[in-house]
Protein backbone atom coordinates (compact mmCIF):
# COMPACT_ATOMS: atom_id res chain seq x y z
CA MET A 1 -33.38 17.91 21.11
CA PHE A 2 -33.56 16.08 24.47
CA SER A 3 -37.11 14.99 23.75
CA ARG A 4 -38.78 12.09 25.53
CA GLU A 5 -38.19 9.85 22.53
CA HIS A 6 -34.49 10.78 22.43
CA ILE A 7 -34.10 10.16 26.16
CA LEU A 8 -35.69 6.71 25.96
CA SER A 9 -33.63 5.67 22.93
CA ALA A 10 -30.42 6.90 24.58
CA PHE A 11 -31.22 5.05 27.81
CA SER A 12 -31.92 1.86 25.86
CA ALA A 13 -28.56 2.16 24.10
CA ALA A 14 -26.71 2.92 27.35
CA ALA A 15 -28.31 0.16 29.46
CA PRO A 16 -25.65 -2.53 28.74
CA ILE A 17 -22.88 -0.06 29.55
CA MET A 18 -24.58 0.97 32.79
CA LEU A 19 -24.85 -2.64 33.96
CA GLY A 20 -21.20 -3.26 33.14
CA TYR A 21 -20.14 -0.16 35.04
CA VAL A 22 -21.95 -1.37 38.15
CA ALA A 23 -19.90 -4.57 38.08
CA ILE A 24 -16.56 -2.74 37.99
CA GLY A 25 -17.62 0.50 39.71
CA LEU A 26 -18.33 -1.14 43.06
CA PRO A 27 -14.83 -2.73 43.32
CA CYS A 28 -13.28 0.57 42.23
CA GLY A 29 -15.15 2.39 45.02
CA ILE A 30 -14.06 -0.21 47.56
CA LEU A 31 -10.46 0.15 46.40
CA SER A 32 -10.75 3.94 46.63
CA ASN A 33 -11.86 3.58 50.25
CA THR A 34 -8.82 1.40 50.86
CA ILE A 35 -6.45 4.27 50.01
CA GLY A 36 -8.37 6.67 52.27
CA LEU A 37 -10.80 8.46 49.93
CA ASN A 38 -14.25 9.35 51.23
CA PRO A 39 -17.49 9.21 49.19
CA LEU A 40 -17.38 12.94 48.37
CA GLN A 41 -13.84 12.69 47.03
CA VAL A 42 -14.78 9.63 44.99
CA PHE A 43 -17.78 11.51 43.57
CA LEU A 44 -15.59 14.43 42.51
CA LEU A 45 -13.02 12.07 41.02
CA CYS A 46 -15.69 10.31 38.95
CA ALA A 47 -17.29 13.60 37.88
CA LEU A 48 -14.07 15.38 36.90
CA LEU A 49 -11.68 12.61 35.81
CA TYR A 50 -14.16 9.90 34.74
CA SER A 51 -11.62 7.29 33.76
CA GLY A 52 -12.16 3.73 34.89
CA ALA A 53 -8.67 2.55 34.03
CA GLY A 54 -7.23 5.82 35.34
CA GLN A 55 -9.01 5.56 38.70
CA PHE A 56 -7.91 1.97 39.17
CA MET A 57 -4.38 3.06 38.24
CA ILE A 58 -4.43 5.89 40.79
CA CYS A 59 -5.36 3.50 43.60
CA ASN A 60 -2.91 0.81 42.56
CA MET A 61 0.04 3.17 42.08
CA PHE A 62 -0.75 4.92 45.37
CA LEU A 63 -0.64 1.58 47.17
CA ALA A 64 2.67 0.84 45.42
CA GLY A 65 4.15 4.06 46.78
CA SER A 66 4.48 5.87 43.45
CA SER A 67 5.01 9.62 43.40
CA ILE A 68 2.25 12.08 42.51
CA ALA A 69 4.14 13.12 39.37
CA SER A 70 4.47 9.52 38.22
CA ILE A 71 0.78 8.83 38.86
CA THR A 72 -0.27 11.98 37.00
CA ALA A 73 1.95 11.22 34.00
CA SER A 74 0.85 7.58 33.81
CA VAL A 75 -2.87 8.37 34.01
CA SER A 76 -2.49 11.15 31.43
CA LEU A 77 -0.72 8.78 29.05
CA VAL A 78 -3.41 6.13 29.42
CA ASN A 79 -6.16 8.68 28.79
CA THR A 80 -4.67 10.06 25.57
CA ARG A 81 -6.88 7.63 23.65
CA GLN A 82 -9.90 9.67 24.73
CA MET A 83 -8.66 12.58 22.60
CA LEU A 84 -8.60 10.29 19.57
CA TYR A 85 -12.12 9.10 20.33
CA ALA A 86 -13.39 12.68 20.56
CA ALA A 87 -11.52 13.79 17.42
CA SER A 88 -13.12 11.02 15.36
CA PHE A 89 -16.55 12.56 16.06
CA ALA A 90 -15.52 15.99 14.73
CA PRO A 91 -17.26 15.54 11.33
CA THR A 92 -20.44 14.48 13.12
CA CYS A 93 -20.43 17.60 15.32
CA GLU A 94 -19.85 20.15 12.56
CA ARG A 95 -23.35 21.65 12.83
CA THR A 96 -23.69 21.08 16.57
CA PRO A 97 -23.55 23.94 19.11
CA ARG A 98 -20.09 24.25 20.61
CA TRP A 99 -21.19 23.67 24.19
CA LEU A 100 -22.97 20.47 23.19
CA ALA A 101 -20.01 19.20 21.14
CA ALA A 102 -17.56 20.03 23.96
CA LEU A 103 -19.64 18.25 26.60
CA PHE A 104 -20.09 15.25 24.33
CA ALA A 105 -16.35 15.02 23.62
CA ALA A 106 -15.47 15.35 27.32
CA THR A 107 -17.64 12.39 28.37
CA VAL A 108 -16.63 9.80 25.76
CA THR A 109 -15.37 6.45 27.07
CA ASP A 110 -14.32 3.21 25.40
CA GLU A 111 -17.74 1.64 25.75
CA SER A 112 -19.87 4.67 24.86
CA TYR A 113 -17.62 5.33 21.88
CA GLY A 114 -18.36 1.87 20.51
CA VAL A 115 -22.12 2.20 21.04
CA ASN A 116 -22.38 5.70 19.55
CA THR A 117 -20.14 4.86 16.60
CA GLN A 118 -22.40 1.95 15.70
CA ARG A 119 -25.55 4.06 16.08
CA PHE A 120 -24.17 6.88 13.93
CA ALA A 121 -23.21 4.34 11.26
CA GLU A 122 -26.73 2.91 11.28
CA GLY A 123 -28.23 6.40 10.86
CA ASN A 124 -31.10 8.13 12.68
CA TRP A 125 -28.82 9.11 15.58
CA SER A 126 -27.98 12.56 16.87
CA VAL A 127 -25.34 14.21 19.04
CA ASP A 128 -27.82 14.94 21.85
CA ARG A 129 -28.71 11.25 22.10
CA ALA A 130 -25.03 10.31 21.98
CA LEU A 131 -24.37 12.78 24.81
CA MET A 132 -27.15 11.24 26.89
CA VAL A 133 -25.58 7.80 26.37
CA ASN A 134 -22.36 9.23 27.80
CA LEU A 135 -24.13 10.89 30.74
CA PHE A 136 -26.20 7.81 31.62
CA SER A 137 -23.01 5.76 31.59
CA GLN A 138 -21.14 8.29 33.72
CA SER A 139 -24.01 8.41 36.22
CA SER A 140 -23.93 4.64 36.60
CA TRP A 141 -20.16 4.69 37.08
CA THR A 142 -20.31 7.52 39.63
CA ILE A 143 -23.14 6.03 41.71
CA SER A 144 -21.46 2.61 41.75
CA ASN A 145 -18.17 4.10 42.91
CA VAL A 146 -19.80 6.15 45.66
CA ILE A 147 -21.74 3.13 46.94
CA GLY A 148 -18.61 0.99 46.80
CA CYS A 149 -16.67 3.58 48.77
CA ALA A 150 -19.46 3.92 51.33
CA VAL A 151 -19.65 0.19 52.01
CA GLY A 152 -15.91 -0.31 51.64
CA ALA A 153 -15.31 0.17 55.34
CA ALA A 154 -17.79 -2.60 56.16
CA VAL A 155 -16.39 -5.01 53.57
CA ALA A 156 -13.08 -6.55 54.56
CA ILE A 157 -11.10 -6.99 51.36
CA PRO A 158 -7.35 -7.65 51.23
CA VAL A 159 -5.38 -4.82 49.64
CA ASN A 160 -3.54 -7.15 47.27
CA ILE A 161 -6.78 -8.57 45.90
CA ALA A 162 -8.34 -5.13 45.55
CA ALA A 163 -5.26 -3.82 43.76
CA PHE A 164 -5.49 -6.64 41.21
CA ALA A 165 -8.76 -5.13 39.94
CA MET A 166 -6.75 -2.55 37.98
CA THR A 167 -4.61 -5.30 36.50
CA ALA A 168 -7.77 -7.16 35.49
CA ILE A 169 -9.08 -4.04 33.71
CA PHE A 170 -5.90 -3.74 31.69
CA ILE A 171 -5.96 -7.44 30.85
CA CYS A 172 -9.46 -6.90 29.44
CA LEU A 173 -8.22 -3.95 27.39
CA LEU A 174 -5.28 -6.01 26.20
CA VAL A 175 -7.16 -9.08 25.01
CA THR A 176 -9.62 -6.95 23.04
CA GLN A 177 -6.84 -5.40 20.96
CA LYS A 178 -5.97 -6.61 17.47
CA PHE A 179 -2.80 -8.66 17.71
CA THR A 180 -0.89 -6.90 14.95
CA SER A 181 2.89 -6.94 14.78
CA ALA A 182 3.08 -3.39 16.12
CA ASN A 183 0.81 -4.20 19.08
CA ILE A 184 2.81 -7.31 19.94
CA ILE A 185 6.04 -5.28 19.90
CA ALA A 186 4.43 -2.63 22.13
CA MET A 187 3.33 -5.27 24.65
CA ALA A 188 6.68 -7.06 24.71
CA VAL A 189 8.79 -3.91 25.01
CA ALA A 190 6.50 -2.41 27.66
CA ALA A 191 6.62 -5.56 29.80
CA LEU A 192 10.39 -5.79 29.41
CA GLY A 193 10.78 -2.09 30.25
CA VAL A 194 8.74 -2.40 33.46
CA TYR A 195 10.72 -5.48 34.50
CA VAL A 196 14.08 -3.83 33.86
CA CYS A 197 13.07 -0.65 35.71
CA LYS A 198 11.86 -2.55 38.76
CA ALA A 199 14.98 -4.72 38.73
CA ALA A 200 17.03 -1.51 38.70
CA GLY A 201 15.08 -0.11 41.66
CA LEU A 202 12.98 2.39 39.66
CA THR A 203 9.66 1.20 41.06
CA GLY A 204 7.83 4.54 40.80
CA PRO A 205 8.28 5.44 37.12
CA ALA A 206 8.53 1.81 35.94
CA ILE A 207 5.04 1.72 34.38
CA LEU A 208 5.46 5.09 32.69
CA ILE A 209 8.90 4.26 31.27
CA GLY A 210 7.78 0.83 30.07
CA ALA A 211 4.64 2.23 28.42
CA VAL A 212 6.53 5.01 26.64
CA ALA A 213 9.22 2.58 25.45
CA GLY A 214 6.59 0.20 24.10
CA VAL A 215 4.71 2.93 22.24
CA VAL A 216 7.90 4.41 20.75
CA CYS A 217 9.16 1.03 19.51
CA ALA A 218 5.75 0.13 18.05
CA MET A 219 5.51 3.47 16.24
CA ALA A 220 9.04 3.11 14.86
CA PHE A 221 8.21 -0.38 13.60
CA ALA A 222 4.95 0.79 12.02
CA LEU A 223 6.66 3.71 10.28
CA THR A 224 9.44 1.46 8.96
CA VAL A 225 7.03 -1.14 7.61
CA GLY A 226 4.79 1.57 6.18
CA LYS A 227 7.65 3.16 4.23
CA ARG A 228 8.74 -0.24 2.94
CA ASP A 229 5.22 -1.07 1.79
CA THR A 230 4.94 2.34 0.12
CA VAL A 231 8.24 2.11 -1.75
CA ALA A 232 7.63 -1.42 -3.07
CA PRO A 233 4.33 -0.68 -4.84
CA SER A 234 5.77 2.57 -6.20
CA THR A 235 8.74 0.75 -7.71
CA ALA A 236 6.50 -1.91 -9.19
CA ALA A 237 4.18 0.71 -10.62
CA THR A 238 7.11 2.54 -12.21
CA GLY A 239 8.34 -0.69 -13.81
CA ASP A 240 4.88 -1.52 -15.10
CA ALA A 241 4.51 1.95 -16.58
CA ALA A 242 7.88 1.69 -18.32
CA ALA A 243 7.02 -1.74 -19.72
CA THR A 244 3.66 -0.48 -20.95
CA ALA A 245 5.28 2.48 -22.65
CA GLY A 246 7.81 0.18 -24.34
CA ASP A 247 5.10 -2.16 -25.58
CA ALA A 248 3.11 0.76 -26.96
CA ALA A 249 6.13 2.07 -28.84
CA ALA A 250 6.96 -1.36 -30.30
CA GLY A 251 3.37 -2.00 -31.42
CA PRO A 252 1.47 -5.28 -31.28
CA LYS A 253 3.59 -8.41 -31.17
CA GLY A 254 4.10 -9.98 -34.63
CA ALA A 255 2.83 -6.90 -36.49
CA PRO A 256 5.14 -4.99 -38.82
CA PRO A 257 6.08 -1.49 -37.78
CA GLU A 258 3.78 1.24 -38.98
CA THR A 259 4.75 3.01 -42.17
CA PRO A 260 4.50 6.78 -42.30
CA PRO A 261 1.85 8.12 -44.70
CA GLY A 262 3.09 8.42 -48.32
CA CYS A 263 5.85 5.83 -47.91
CA ALA A 264 5.71 2.32 -49.37
CA PRO A 265 6.59 -0.59 -47.16
CA ALA A 266 10.08 -2.00 -47.55
CA GLY A 267 10.33 -4.66 -50.32
CA ALA A 268 7.04 -3.67 -52.00
CA ALA A 269 7.03 -2.93 -55.74
CA ASP A 270 6.25 0.62 -56.76
CA SER A 271 3.39 0.41 -59.24
CA ARG A 272 2.91 4.13 -59.63
CA PRO A 273 2.85 5.43 -63.24
CA GLY A 274 6.30 6.41 -64.38
CA SER A 275 8.12 4.21 -61.95
CA GLY A 276 10.97 2.12 -63.26
CA VAL A 277 9.56 -1.12 -61.95
CA ALA A 278 6.22 -0.62 -63.71
CA GLU A 279 7.90 0.31 -67.00
CA GLU A 280 10.16 -2.74 -66.81
CA ARG A 281 7.21 -5.07 -66.23
CA GLY A 282 5.37 -3.37 -69.09
CA GLY A 283 8.30 -3.97 -71.44
CA GLU A 284 8.36 -7.65 -70.57
CA GLY A 285 4.71 -7.95 -71.50
CA ARG A 286 5.13 -6.20 -74.82
């Protein structure tokens, strides 16, 4: 565990993520400086929260004048996907020490989840290497944010342009989703909900209300379609079973019905000794 070989393989797997985090970590640090955070505060935010989309959201919603409660609820809602990521690794961490599994689950991100999932599927991968992928990625993100915050005062960047960085992150998340019917409904309802809330003057909770409305409508649609798809095959299967049972009872097409043992088929002459038909035929021959 944590051998030189494991460290090198984990660093190699995390390298693309680290480079990507530099590209978006610097703007995030600059934006954090714009709302008044110092490098130490940015470091603590990256170390404790560690949410790229969440940190961009905090800055953007703060600039928009949103309340602390609205910012907290919105960031928490966005980060619920991390719990699903961590839960999917539960079978992999069954024989892992609890402290190692807990630290691994707490540092999973979208990008590291994809890399580690692929490596686990390929085999010859372990939880300690997966954890190091997460930690290398987090280190890159934290250092980039701190540097961005430190040089933010020297770099003149309009607030509106800096705030659009968060929107760009969510556009990237959006275009990488599968465009299923449920996802399309979620996007449409969420956008409509935000528009209606802002038109009604509810600027603060607009994002939260729109997101919740989109998720609820998408889940309702998915459940409705799922029940419909479940009932249809069940009905068809019941009909097929009934038809099969009827065919089995009727026997093969064109074949006469089976005759119970000891009974002669209808219309057949009884040639047993002592039968009337046999005696009659015998009299005709005499």
